Amino acid sequence: AENGREEALKDQLQGLTDKLLETESKIDMKKLEMESQSQLVEKQLQEIEQQMAAVAEERVEEQRAAQAVRDNLEQYMNDRPSLGKKIELEIQEMQRQVSALQEEAE
């Protein structure tokens, strides 16, 4: 009877040992899965950071382009009165030449 009881305890111990090993194996698998997910999340974060940097660079380029347009428009507006004056002087010169030609023709 004592031998049978010892055998039952050995079986019980082996069963518990098997369960422990199975649990440890599951834990190891979960650790690997979590590490893999963690690496995936890290990679996604890096991609997002790169996209944000690209968007920021695009904004800087857009701001530069917009500033260039504003600068060109401002320059045009500043030059406009002198352009008008220049055209006016050219028209007067042409009118003078036409008058001179008319006088020669008469």
PDB file of N, CA and C in Angstrom:
ATOM      1  N   ALA A   1       0.837  -1.202   0.000  1.00  0.00           N
ATOM      2  CA  ALA A   1       0.000   0.000   0.000  1.00  0.00           C
ATOM      3  C   ALA A   1       0.869   1.248   0.000  1.00  0.00           C
ATOM      4  N   GLU A   2       1.943   1.158   0.794  1.00  0.00           N
ATOM      5  CA  GLU A   2       2.874   2.293   0.876  1.00  0.00           C
ATOM      6  C   GLU A   2       3.483   2.552  -0.489  1.00  0.00           C
ATOM      7  N   ASN A   3       3.804   1.511  -1.204  1.00  0.00           N
ATOM      8  CA  ASN A   3       4.399   1.609  -2.537  1.00  0.00           C
ATOM      9  C   ASN A   3       3.412   2.236  -3.527  1.00  0.00           C
ATOM     10  N   GLY A   4       2.161   1.881  -3.424  1.00  0.00           N
ATOM     11  CA  GLY A   4       1.125   2.440  -4.298  1.00  0.00           C
ATOM     12  C   GLY A   4       0.935   3.930  -4.046  1.00  0.00           C
ATOM     13  N   ARG A   5       0.995   4.304  -2.779  1.00  0.00           N
ATOM     14  CA  ARG A   5       0.847   5.723  -2.412  1.00  0.00           C
ATOM     15  C   ARG A   5       2.029   6.535  -2.937  1.00  0.00           C
ATOM     16  N   GLU A   6       3.220   5.976  -2.827  1.00  0.00           N
ATOM     17  CA  GLU A   6       4.427   6.632  -3.328  1.00  0.00           C
ATOM     18  C   GLU A   6       4.321   6.805  -4.839  1.00  0.00           C
ATOM     19  N   GLU A   7       3.813   5.784  -5.507  1.00  0.00           N
ATOM     20  CA  GLU A   7       3.629   5.831  -6.963  1.00  0.00           C
ATOM     21  C   GLU A   7       2.641   6.932  -7.341  1.00  0.00           C
ATOM     22  N   ALA A   8       1.542   7.057  -6.579  1.00  0.00           N
ATOM     23  CA  ALA A   8       0.527   8.089  -6.843  1.00  0.00           C
ATOM     24  C   ALA A   8       1.124   9.479  -6.640  1.00  0.00           C
ATOM     25  N   LEU A   9       1.948   9.629  -5.596  1.00  0.00           N
ATOM     26  CA  LEU A   9       2.591  10.933  -5.343  1.00  0.00           C
ATOM     27  C   LEU A   9       3.579  11.263  -6.461  1.00  0.00           C
ATOM     28  N   LYS A  10       4.311  10.263  -6.950  1.00  0.00           N
ATOM     29  CA  LYS A  10       5.249  10.482  -8.055  1.00  0.00           C
ATOM     30  C   LYS A  10       4.495  10.915  -9.316  1.00  0.00           C
ATOM     31  N   ASP A  11       3.362  10.239  -9.563  1.00  0.00           N
ATOM     32  CA  ASP A  11       2.545  10.602 -10.731  1.00  0.00           C
ATOM     33  C   ASP A  11       2.024  12.033 -10.596  1.00  0.00           C
ATOM     34  N   GLN A  12       1.575  12.351  -9.378  1.00  0.00           N
ATOM     35  CA  GLN A  12       1.049  13.703  -9.131  1.00  0.00           C
ATOM     36  C   GLN A  12       2.159  14.737  -9.337  1.00  0.00           C
ATOM     37  N   LEU A  13       3.357  14.436  -8.809  1.00  0.00           N
ATOM     38  CA  LEU A  13       4.500  15.337  -8.960  1.00  0.00           C
ATOM     39  C   LEU A  13       4.859  15.491 -10.431  1.00  0.00           C
ATOM     40  N   GLN A  14       4.854  14.385 -11.183  1.00  0.00           N
ATOM     41  CA  GLN A  14       5.166  14.441 -12.617  1.00  0.00           C
ATOM     42  C   GLN A  14       4.119  15.274 -13.351  1.00  0.00           C
ATOM     43  N   GLY A  15       2.859  15.098 -12.986  1.00  0.00           N
ATOM     44  CA  GLY A  15       1.776  15.888 -13.600  1.00  0.00           C
ATOM     45  C   GLY A  15       1.976  17.375 -13.347  1.00  0.00           C
ATOM     46  N   LEU A  16       2.320  17.721 -12.098  1.00  0.00           N
ATOM     47  CA  LEU A  16       2.549  19.130 -11.748  1.00  0.00           C
ATOM     48  C   LEU A  16       3.781  19.679 -12.479  1.00  0.00           C
ATOM     49  N   THR A  17       4.821  18.845 -12.596  1.00  0.00           N
ATOM     50  CA  THR A  17       6.033  19.260 -13.306  1.00  0.00           C
ATOM     51  C   THR A  17       5.723  19.515 -14.774  1.00  0.00           C
ATOM     52  N   ASP A  18       4.922  18.618 -15.384  1.00  0.00           N
ATOM     53  CA  ASP A  18       4.532  18.789 -16.791  1.00  0.00           C
ATOM     54  C   ASP A  18       3.731  20.082 -16.978  1.00  0.00           C
ATOM     55  N   LYS A  19       2.791  20.333 -16.049  1.00  0.00           N
ATOM     56  CA  LYS A  19       1.984  21.562 -16.129  1.00  0.00           C
ATOM     57  C   LYS A  19       2.872  22.797 -15.998  1.00  0.00           C
ATOM     58  N   LEU A  20       3.856  22.735 -15.088  1.00  0.00           N
ATOM     59  CA  LEU A  20       4.773  23.853 -14.879  1.00  0.00           C
ATOM     60  C   LEU A  20       5.572  24.121 -16.161  1.00  0.00           C
ATOM     61  N   LEU A  21       6.088  23.062 -16.769  1.00  0.00           N
ATOM     62  CA  LEU A  21       6.852  23.213 -18.011  1.00  0.00           C
ATOM     63  C   LEU A  21       5.972  23.779 -19.128  1.00  0.00           C
ATOM     64  N   GLU A  22       4.743  23.305 -19.204  1.00  0.00           N
ATOM     65  CA  GLU A  22       3.798  23.797 -20.221  1.00  0.00           C
ATOM     66  C   GLU A  22       3.509  25.283 -19.995  1.00  0.00           C
ATOM     67  N   THR A  23       3.309  25.643 -18.729  1.00  0.00           N
ATOM     68  CA  THR A  23       3.040  27.049 -18.385  1.00  0.00           C
ATOM     69  C   THR A  23       4.251  27.926 -18.716  1.00  0.00           C
ATOM     70  N   GLU A  24       5.442  27.458 -18.373  1.00  0.00           N
ATOM     71  CA  GLU A  24       6.656  28.214 -18.689  1.00  0.00           C
ATOM     72  C   GLU A  24       6.801  28.380 -20.199  1.00  0.00           C
ATOM     73  N   SER A  25       6.486  27.332 -20.941  1.00  0.00           N
ATOM     74  CA  SER A  25       6.564  27.394 -22.401  1.00  0.00           C
ATOM     75  C   SER A  25       5.574  28.433 -22.937  1.00  0.00           C
ATOM     76  N   LYS A  26       4.348  28.435 -22.388  1.00  0.00           N
ATOM     77  CA  LYS A  26       3.341  29.429 -22.806  1.00  0.00           C
ATOM     78  C   LYS A  26       3.817  30.844 -22.482  1.00  0.00           C
ATOM     79  N   ILE A  27       4.421  30.985 -21.300  1.00  0.00           N
ATOM     80  CA  ILE A  27       4.939  32.300 -20.890  1.00  0.00           C
ATOM     81  C   ILE A  27       6.033  32.760 -21.856  1.00  0.00           C
ATOM     82  N   ASP A  28       6.938  31.848 -22.209  1.00  0.00           N
ATOM     83  CA  ASP A  28       8.002  32.191 -23.162  1.00  0.00           C
ATOM     84  C   ASP A  28       7.424  32.602 -24.507  1.00  0.00           C
ATOM     85  N   MET A  29       6.394  31.872 -24.967  1.00  0.00           N
ATOM     86  CA  MET A  29       5.753  32.200 -26.244  1.00  0.00           C
ATOM     87  C   MET A  29       5.113  33.594 -26.175  1.00  0.00           C
ATOM     88  N   LYS A  30       4.452  33.881 -25.050  1.00  0.00           N
ATOM     89  CA  LYS A  30       3.819  35.198 -24.875  1.00  0.00           C
ATOM     90  C   LYS A  30       4.882  36.298 -24.873  1.00  0.00           C
ATOM     91  N   LYS A  31       6.004  36.036 -24.204  1.00  0.00           N
ATOM     92  CA  LYS A  31       7.101  37.020 -24.170  1.00  0.00           C
ATOM     93  C   LYS A  31       7.589  37.315 -25.585  1.00  0.00           C
ATOM     94  N   LEU A  32       7.794  36.247 -26.367  1.00  0.00           N
ATOM     95  CA  LEU A  32       8.246  36.433 -27.755  1.00  0.00           C
ATOM     96  C   LEU A  32       7.217  37.209 -28.565  1.00  0.00           C
ATOM     97  N   GLU A  33       5.950  36.869 -28.369  1.00  0.00           N
ATOM     98  CA  GLU A  33       4.873  37.560 -29.085  1.00  0.00           C
ATOM     99  C   GLU A  33       4.844  39.043 -28.709  1.00  0.00           C
ATOM    100  N   MET A  34       4.985  39.327 -27.425  1.00  0.00           N
ATOM    101  CA  MET A  34       4.965  40.722 -26.970  1.00  0.00           C
ATOM    102  C   MET A  34       6.184  41.488 -27.476  1.00  0.00           C
ATOM    103  N   GLU A  35       7.350  40.826 -27.479  1.00  0.00           N
ATOM    104  CA  GLU A  35       8.547  41.479 -28.012  1.00  0.00           C
ATOM    105  C   GLU A  35       8.363  41.786 -29.494  1.00  0.00           C
ATOM    106  N   SER A  36       7.779  40.850 -30.209  1.00  0.00           N
ATOM    107  CA  SER A  36       7.538  41.046 -31.640  1.00  0.00           C
ATOM    108  C   SER A  36       6.573  42.222 -31.855  1.00  0.00           C
ATOM    109  N   GLN A  37       5.497  42.244 -31.060  1.00  0.00           N
ATOM    110  CA  GLN A  37       4.538  43.352 -31.160  1.00  0.00           C
ATOM    111  C   GLN A  37       5.193  44.672 -30.784  1.00  0.00           C
ATOM    112  N   SER A  38       6.030  44.640 -29.776  1.00  0.00           N
ATOM    113  CA  SER A  38       6.733  45.842 -29.336  1.00  0.00           C
ATOM    114  C   SER A  38       7.625  46.375 -30.458  1.00  0.00           C
ATOM    115  N   GLN A  39       8.334  45.457 -31.137  1.00  0.00           N
ATOM    116  CA  GLN A  39       9.187  45.869 -32.263  1.00  0.00           C
ATOM    117  C   GLN A  39       8.348  46.438 -33.396  1.00  0.00           C
ATOM    118  N   LEU A  40       7.192  45.832 -33.658  1.00  0.00           N
ATOM    119  CA  LEU A  40       6.296  46.322 -34.703  1.00  0.00           C
ATOM    120  C   LEU A  40       5.802  47.734 -34.372  1.00  0.00           C
ATOM    121  N   VAL A  41       5.398  47.921 -33.107  1.00  0.00           N
ATOM    122  CA  VAL A  41       4.935  49.246 -32.673  1.00  0.00           C
ATOM    123  C   VAL A  41       6.059  50.263 -32.801  1.00  0.00           C
ATOM    124  N   GLU A  42       7.265  49.876 -32.421  1.00  0.00           N
ATOM    125  CA  GLU A  42       8.421  50.772 -32.514  1.00  0.00           C
ATOM    126  C   GLU A  42       8.664  51.170 -33.970  1.00  0.00           C
ATOM    127  N   LYS A  43       8.573  50.190 -34.872  1.00  0.00           N
ATOM    128  CA  LYS A  43       8.763  50.457 -36.296  1.00  0.00           C
ATOM    129  C   LYS A  43       7.686  51.413 -36.808  1.00  0.00           C
ATOM    130  N   GLN A  44       6.435  51.177 -36.391  1.00  0.00           N
ATOM    131  CA  GLN A  44       5.340  52.054 -36.802  1.00  0.00           C
ATOM    132  C   GLN A  44       5.551  53.475 -36.279  1.00  0.00           C
ATOM    133  N   LEU A  45       6.026  53.590 -35.048  1.00  0.00           N
ATOM    134  CA  LEU A  45       6.307  54.911 -34.483  1.00  0.00           C
ATOM    135  C   LEU A  45       7.384  55.631 -35.293  1.00  0.00           C
ATOM    136  N   GLN A  46       8.421  54.891 -35.688  1.00  0.00           N
ATOM    137  CA  GLN A  46       9.481  55.486 -36.495  1.00  0.00           C
ATOM    138  C   GLN A  46       8.938  55.955 -37.840  1.00  0.00           C
ATOM    139  N   GLU A  47       8.059  55.151 -38.449  1.00  0.00           N
ATOM    140  CA  GLU A  47       7.456  55.539 -39.734  1.00  0.00           C
ATOM    141  C   GLU A  47       6.624  56.807 -39.571  1.00  0.00           C
ATOM    142  N   ILE A  48       5.854  56.867 -38.486  1.00  0.00           N
ATOM    143  CA  ILE A  48       5.028  58.050 -38.228  1.00  0.00           C
ATOM    144  C   ILE A  48       5.915  59.277 -38.034  1.00  0.00           C
ATOM    145  N   GLU A  49       7.002  59.117 -37.280  1.00  0.00           N
ATOM    146  CA  GLU A  49       7.924  60.236 -37.060  1.00  0.00           C
ATOM    147  C   GLU A  49       8.523  60.703 -38.386  1.00  0.00           C
ATOM    148  N   GLN A  50       8.871  59.754 -39.266  1.00  0.00           N
ATOM    149  CA  GLN A  50       9.417  60.119 -40.577  1.00  0.00           C
ATOM    150  C   GLN A  50       8.379  60.860 -41.406  1.00  0.00           C
ATOM    151  N   GLN A  51       7.128  60.388 -41.357  1.00  0.00           N
ATOM    152  CA  GLN A  51       6.058  61.057 -42.098  1.00  0.00           C
ATOM    153  C   GLN A  51       5.833  62.472 -41.568  1.00  0.00           C
ATOM    154  N   MET A  52       5.871  62.603 -40.239  1.00  0.00           N
ATOM    155  CA  MET A  52       5.683  63.931 -39.641  1.00  0.00           C
ATOM    156  C   MET A  52       6.815  64.871 -40.059  1.00  0.00           C
ATOM    157  N   ALA A  53       8.035  64.352 -40.101  1.00  0.00           N
ATOM    158  CA  ALA A  53       9.175  65.165 -40.525  1.00  0.00           C
ATOM    159  C   ALA A  53       9.011  65.576 -41.988  1.00  0.00           C
ATOM    160  N   ALA A  54       8.528  64.653 -42.820  1.00  0.00           N
ATOM    161  CA  ALA A  54       8.315  64.968 -44.237  1.00  0.00           C
ATOM    162  C   ALA A  54       7.235  66.039 -44.393  1.00  0.00           C
ATOM    163  N   VAL A  55       6.160  65.924 -43.614  1.00  0.00           N
ATOM    164  CA  VAL A  55       5.088  66.921 -43.665  1.00  0.00           C
ATOM    165  C   VAL A  55       5.622  68.282 -43.211  1.00  0.00           C
ATOM    166  N   ALA A  56       6.414  68.282 -42.147  1.00  0.00           N
ATOM    167  CA  ALA A  56       6.990  69.537 -41.652  1.00  0.00           C
ATOM    168  C   ALA A  56       7.873  70.165 -42.729  1.00  0.00           C
ATOM    169  N   GLU A  57       8.661  69.352 -43.425  1.00  0.00           N
ATOM    170  CA  GLU A  57       9.530  69.853 -44.494  1.00  0.00           C
ATOM    171  C   GLU A  57       8.697  70.426 -45.639  1.00  0.00           C
ATOM    172  N   GLU A  58       7.578  69.737 -45.974  1.00  0.00           N
ATOM    173  CA  GLU A  58       6.692  70.246 -47.024  1.00  0.00           C
ATOM    174  C   GLU A  58       6.124  71.605 -46.618  1.00  0.00           C
ATOM    175  N   ARG A  59       5.742  71.723 -45.355  1.00  0.00           N
ATOM    176  CA  ARG A  59       5.182  72.997 -44.873  1.00  0.00           C
ATOM    177  C   ARG A  59       6.214  74.113 -44.990  1.00  0.00           C
ATOM    178  N   VAL A  60       7.460  73.786 -44.633  1.00  0.00           N
ATOM    179  CA  VAL A  60       8.526  74.787 -44.737  1.00  0.00           C
ATOM    180  C   VAL A  60       8.674  75.220 -46.198  1.00  0.00           C
ATOM    181  N   GLU A  61       8.660  74.238 -47.118  1.00  0.00           N
ATOM    182  CA  GLU A  61       8.777  74.551 -48.550  1.00  0.00           C
ATOM    183  C   GLU A  61       7.593  75.402 -49.008  1.00  0.00           C
ATOM    184  N   GLU A  62       6.382  75.038 -48.558  1.00  0.00           N
ATOM    185  CA  GLU A  62       5.193  75.816 -48.927  1.00  0.00           C
ATOM    186  C   GLU A  62       5.292  77.247 -48.395  1.00  0.00           C
ATOM    187  N   GLN A  63       5.777  77.378 -47.163  1.00  0.00           N
ATOM    188  CA  GLN A  63       5.919  78.715 -46.577  1.00  0.00           C
ATOM    189  C   GLN A  63       6.949  79.533 -47.349  1.00  0.00           C
ATOM    190  N   ARG A  64       8.045  78.872 -47.758  1.00  0.00           N
ATOM    191  CA  ARG A  64       9.058  79.577 -48.550  1.00  0.00           C
ATOM    192  C   ARG A  64       8.473  80.034 -49.886  1.00  0.00           C
ATOM    193  N   ALA A  65       7.723  79.126 -50.528  1.00  0.00           N
ATOM    194  CA  ALA A  65       7.113  79.465 -51.823  1.00  0.00           C
ATOM    195  C   ALA A  65       6.112  80.610 -51.662  1.00  0.00           C
ATOM    196  N   ALA A  66       5.296  80.530 -50.611  1.00  0.00           N
ATOM    197  CA  ALA A  66       4.315  81.589 -50.365  1.00  0.00           C
ATOM    198  C   ALA A  66       5.024  82.923 -50.098  1.00  0.00           C
ATOM    199  N   GLN A  67       6.120  82.874 -49.344  1.00  0.00           N
ATOM    200  CA  GLN A  67       6.874  84.098 -49.062  1.00  0.00           C
ATOM    201  C   GLN A  67       7.477  84.662 -50.341  1.00  0.00           C
ATOM    202  N   ALA A  68       7.959  83.781 -51.214  1.00  0.00           N
ATOM    203  CA  ALA A  68       8.522  84.241 -52.489  1.00  0.00           C
ATOM    204  C   ALA A  68       7.445  84.926 -53.326  1.00  0.00           C
ATOM    205  N   VAL A  69       6.236  84.349 -53.337  1.00  0.00           N
ATOM    206  CA  VAL A  69       5.124  84.968 -54.072  1.00  0.00           C
ATOM    207  C   VAL A  69       4.801  86.336 -53.472  1.00  0.00           C
ATOM    208  N   ARG A  70       4.747  86.397 -52.141  1.00  0.00           N
ATOM    209  CA  ARG A  70       4.455  87.685 -51.479  1.00  0.00           C
ATOM    210  C   ARG A  70       5.542  88.717 -51.802  1.00  0.00           C
ATOM    211  N   ASP A  71       6.807  88.264 -51.761  1.00  0.00           N
ATOM    212  CA  ASP A  71       7.916  89.169 -52.063  1.00  0.00           C
ATOM    213  C   ASP A  71       7.822  89.681 -53.499  1.00  0.00           C
ATOM    214  N   ASN A  72       7.531  88.763 -54.441  1.00  0.00           N
ATOM    215  CA  ASN A  72       7.408  89.161 -55.845  1.00  0.00           C
ATOM    216  C   ASN A  72       6.252  90.130 -56.042  1.00  0.00           C
ATOM    217  N   LEU A  73       5.120  89.851 -55.387  1.00  0.00           N
ATOM    218  CA  LEU A  73       3.960  90.736 -55.500  1.00  0.00           C
ATOM    219  C   LEU A  73       4.278  92.111 -54.914  1.00  0.00           C
ATOM    220  N   GLU A  74       4.941  92.110 -53.772  1.00  0.00           N
ATOM    221  CA  GLU A  74       5.312  93.376 -53.139  1.00  0.00           C
ATOM    222  C   GLU A  74       6.262  94.170 -54.046  1.00  0.00           C
ATOM    223  N   GLN A  75       7.229  93.459 -54.632  1.00  0.00           N
ATOM    224  CA  GLN A  75       8.166  94.117 -55.550  1.00  0.00           C
ATOM    225  C   GLN A  75       7.417  94.701 -56.745  1.00  0.00           C
ATOM    226  N   TYR A  76       6.470  93.929 -57.296  1.00  0.00           N
ATOM    227  CA  TYR A  76       5.678  94.407 -58.432  1.00  0.00           C
ATOM    228  C   TYR A  76       4.884  95.652 -58.036  1.00  0.00           C
ATOM    229  N   MET A  77       4.242  95.589 -56.845  1.00  0.00           N
ATOM    230  CA  MET A  77       3.438  96.734 -56.393  1.00  0.00           C
ATOM    231  C   MET A  77       4.338  97.958 -56.178  1.00  0.00           C
ATOM    232  N   ASN A  78       5.544  97.729 -55.691  1.00  0.00           N
ATOM    233  CA  ASN A  78       6.470  98.841 -55.491  1.00  0.00           C
ATOM    234  C   ASN A  78       6.949  99.400 -56.836  1.00  0.00           C
ATOM    235  N   ASP A  79       7.166  98.490 -57.791  1.00  0.00           N
ATOM    236  CA  ASP A  79       7.668  98.912 -59.100  1.00  0.00           C
ATOM    237  C   ASP A  79       6.569  99.483 -59.988  1.00  0.00           C
ATOM    238  N   ARG A  80       5.326  99.137 -59.697  1.00  0.00           N
ATOM    239  CA  ARG A  80       4.220  99.510 -60.574  1.00  0.00           C
ATOM    240  C   ARG A  80       4.165 101.014 -60.882  1.00  0.00           C
ATOM    241  N   PRO A  81       4.275 101.884 -59.880  1.00  0.00           N
ATOM    242  CA  PRO A  81       4.233 103.326 -60.213  1.00  0.00           C
ATOM    243  C   PRO A  81       5.360 103.716 -61.176  1.00  0.00           C
ATOM    244  N   SER A  82       6.563 103.176 -60.954  1.00  0.00           N
ATOM    245  CA  SER A  82       7.662 103.544 -61.839  1.00  0.00           C
ATOM    246  C   SER A  82       7.475 102.918 -63.218  1.00  0.00           C
ATOM    247  N   LEU A  83       6.858 101.724 -63.278  1.00  0.00           N
ATOM    248  CA  LEU A  83       6.560 101.115 -64.579  1.00  0.00           C
ATOM    249  C   LEU A  83       5.558 101.978 -65.340  1.00  0.00           C
ATOM    250  N   GLY A  84       4.532 102.441 -64.599  1.00  0.00           N
ATOM    251  CA  GLY A  84       3.535 103.312 -65.221  1.00  0.00           C
ATOM    252  C   GLY A  84       4.183 104.586 -65.741  1.00  0.00           C
ATOM    253  N   LYS A  85       5.075 105.161 -64.950  1.00  0.00           N
ATOM    254  CA  LYS A  85       5.765 106.395 -65.338  1.00  0.00           C
ATOM    255  C   LYS A  85       6.638 106.128 -66.562  1.00  0.00           C
ATOM    256  N   LYS A  86       7.317 104.963 -66.586  1.00  0.00           N
ATOM    257  CA  LYS A  86       8.185 104.609 -67.702  1.00  0.00           C
ATOM    258  C   LYS A  86       7.364 104.479 -68.991  1.00  0.00           C
ATOM    259  N   ILE A  87       6.218 103.779 -68.878  1.00  0.00           N
ATOM    260  CA  ILE A  87       5.343 103.617 -70.057  1.00  0.00           C
ATOM    261  C   ILE A  87       4.826 104.982 -70.519  1.00  0.00           C
ATOM    262  N   GLU A  88       4.453 105.807 -69.563  1.00  0.00           N
ATOM    263  CA  GLU A  88       3.962 107.150 -69.887  1.00  0.00           C
ATOM    264  C   GLU A  88       5.032 107.944 -70.644  1.00  0.00           C
ATOM    265  N   LEU A  89       6.283 107.865 -70.187  1.00  0.00           N
ATOM    266  CA  LEU A  89       7.378 108.557 -70.856  1.00  0.00           C
ATOM    267  C   LEU A  89       7.596 107.996 -72.263  1.00  0.00           C
ATOM    268  N   GLU A  90       7.482 106.655 -72.420  1.00  0.00           N
ATOM    269  CA  GLU A  90       7.636 106.049 -73.741  1.00  0.00           C
ATOM    270  C   GLU A  90       6.529 106.518 -74.686  1.00  0.00           C
ATOM    271  N   ILE A  91       5.306 106.602 -74.154  1.00  0.00           N
ATOM    272  CA  ILE A  91       4.180 107.093 -74.983  1.00  0.00           C
ATOM    273  C   ILE A  91       4.437 108.539 -75.404  1.00  0.00           C
ATOM    274  N   GLN A  92       4.882 109.355 -74.459  1.00  0.00           N
ATOM    275  CA  GLN A  92       5.176 110.758 -74.782  1.00  0.00           C
ATOM    276  C   GLN A  92       6.266 110.848 -75.847  1.00  0.00           C
ATOM    277  N   GLU A  93       7.303 110.001 -75.731  1.00  0.00           N
ATOM    278  CA  GLU A  93       8.385 109.983 -76.707  1.00  0.00           C
ATOM    279  C   GLU A  93       7.853 109.591 -78.079  1.00  0.00           C
ATOM    280  N   MET A  94       6.974 108.573 -78.130  1.00  0.00           N
ATOM    281  CA  MET A  94       6.384 108.154 -79.408  1.00  0.00           C
ATOM    282  C   MET A  94       5.531 109.272 -79.999  1.00  0.00           C
ATOM    283  N   GLN A  95       4.755 109.942 -79.125  1.00  0.00           N
ATOM    284  CA  GLN A  95       3.916 111.046 -79.605  1.00  0.00           C
ATOM    285  C   GLN A  95       4.795 112.174 -80.160  1.00  0.00           C
ATOM    286  N   ARG A  96       5.918 112.424 -79.479  1.00  0.00           N
ATOM    287  CA  ARG A  96       6.831 113.454 -79.956  1.00  0.00           C
ATOM    288  C   ARG A  96       7.395 113.073 -81.327  1.00  0.00           C
ATOM    289  N   GLN A  97       7.768 111.780 -81.456  1.00  0.00           N
ATOM    290  CA  GLN A  97       8.303 111.322 -82.745  1.00  0.00           C
ATOM    291  C   GLN A  97       7.244 111.416 -83.844  1.00  0.00           C
ATOM    292  N   VAL A  98       5.992 111.023 -83.503  1.00  0.00           N
ATOM    293  CA  VAL A  98       4.904 111.118 -84.486  1.00  0.00           C
ATOM    294  C   VAL A  98       4.710 112.581 -84.892  1.00  0.00           C
ATOM    295  N   SER A  99       4.717 113.484 -83.888  1.00  0.00           N
ATOM    296  CA  SER A  99       4.557 114.920 -84.193  1.00  0.00           C
ATOM    297  C   SER A  99       5.690 115.402 -85.085  1.00  0.00           C
ATOM    298  N   ALA A 100       6.914 114.975 -84.787  1.00  0.00           N
ATOM    299  CA  ALA A 100       8.073 115.378 -85.590  1.00  0.00           C
ATOM    300  C   ALA A 100       7.927 114.866 -87.008  1.00  0.00           C
ATOM    301  N   LEU A 101       7.480 113.624 -87.164  1.00  0.00           N
ATOM    302  CA  LEU A 101       7.274 113.049 -88.502  1.00  0.00           C
ATOM    303  C   LEU A 101       6.191 113.806 -89.246  1.00  0.00           C
ATOM    304  N   GLN A 102       5.113 114.183 -88.510  1.00  0.00           N
ATOM    305  CA  GLN A 102       4.016 114.920 -89.138  1.00  0.00           C
ATOM    306  C   GLN A 102       4.494 116.287 -89.619  1.00  0.00           C
ATOM    307  N   GLU A 103       5.334 116.913 -88.780  1.00  0.00           N
ATOM    308  CA  GLU A 103       5.854 118.239 -89.156  1.00  0.00           C
ATOM    309  C   GLU A 103       6.752 118.108 -90.390  1.00  0.00           C
ATOM    310  N   GLU A 104       7.554 117.054 -90.428  1.00  0.00           N
ATOM    311  CA  GLU A 104       8.411 116.835 -91.603  1.00  0.00           C
ATOM    312  C   GLU A 104       7.561 116.585 -92.852  1.00  0.00           C
ATOM    313  N   ALA A 105       6.487 115.867 -92.658  1.00  0.00           N
ATOM    314  CA  ALA A 105       5.620 115.546 -93.791  1.00  0.00           C
ATOM    315  C   ALA A 105       4.926 116.788 -94.314  1.00  0.00           C
ATOM    316  N   GLU A 106       4.656 117.746 -93.466  1.00  0.00           N
ATOM    317  CA  GLU A 106       3.966 118.959 -93.914  1.00  0.00           C
ATOM    318  C   GLU A 106       4.923 119.879 -94.540  1.00  0.00           C
TER     319      GLU A 106
END
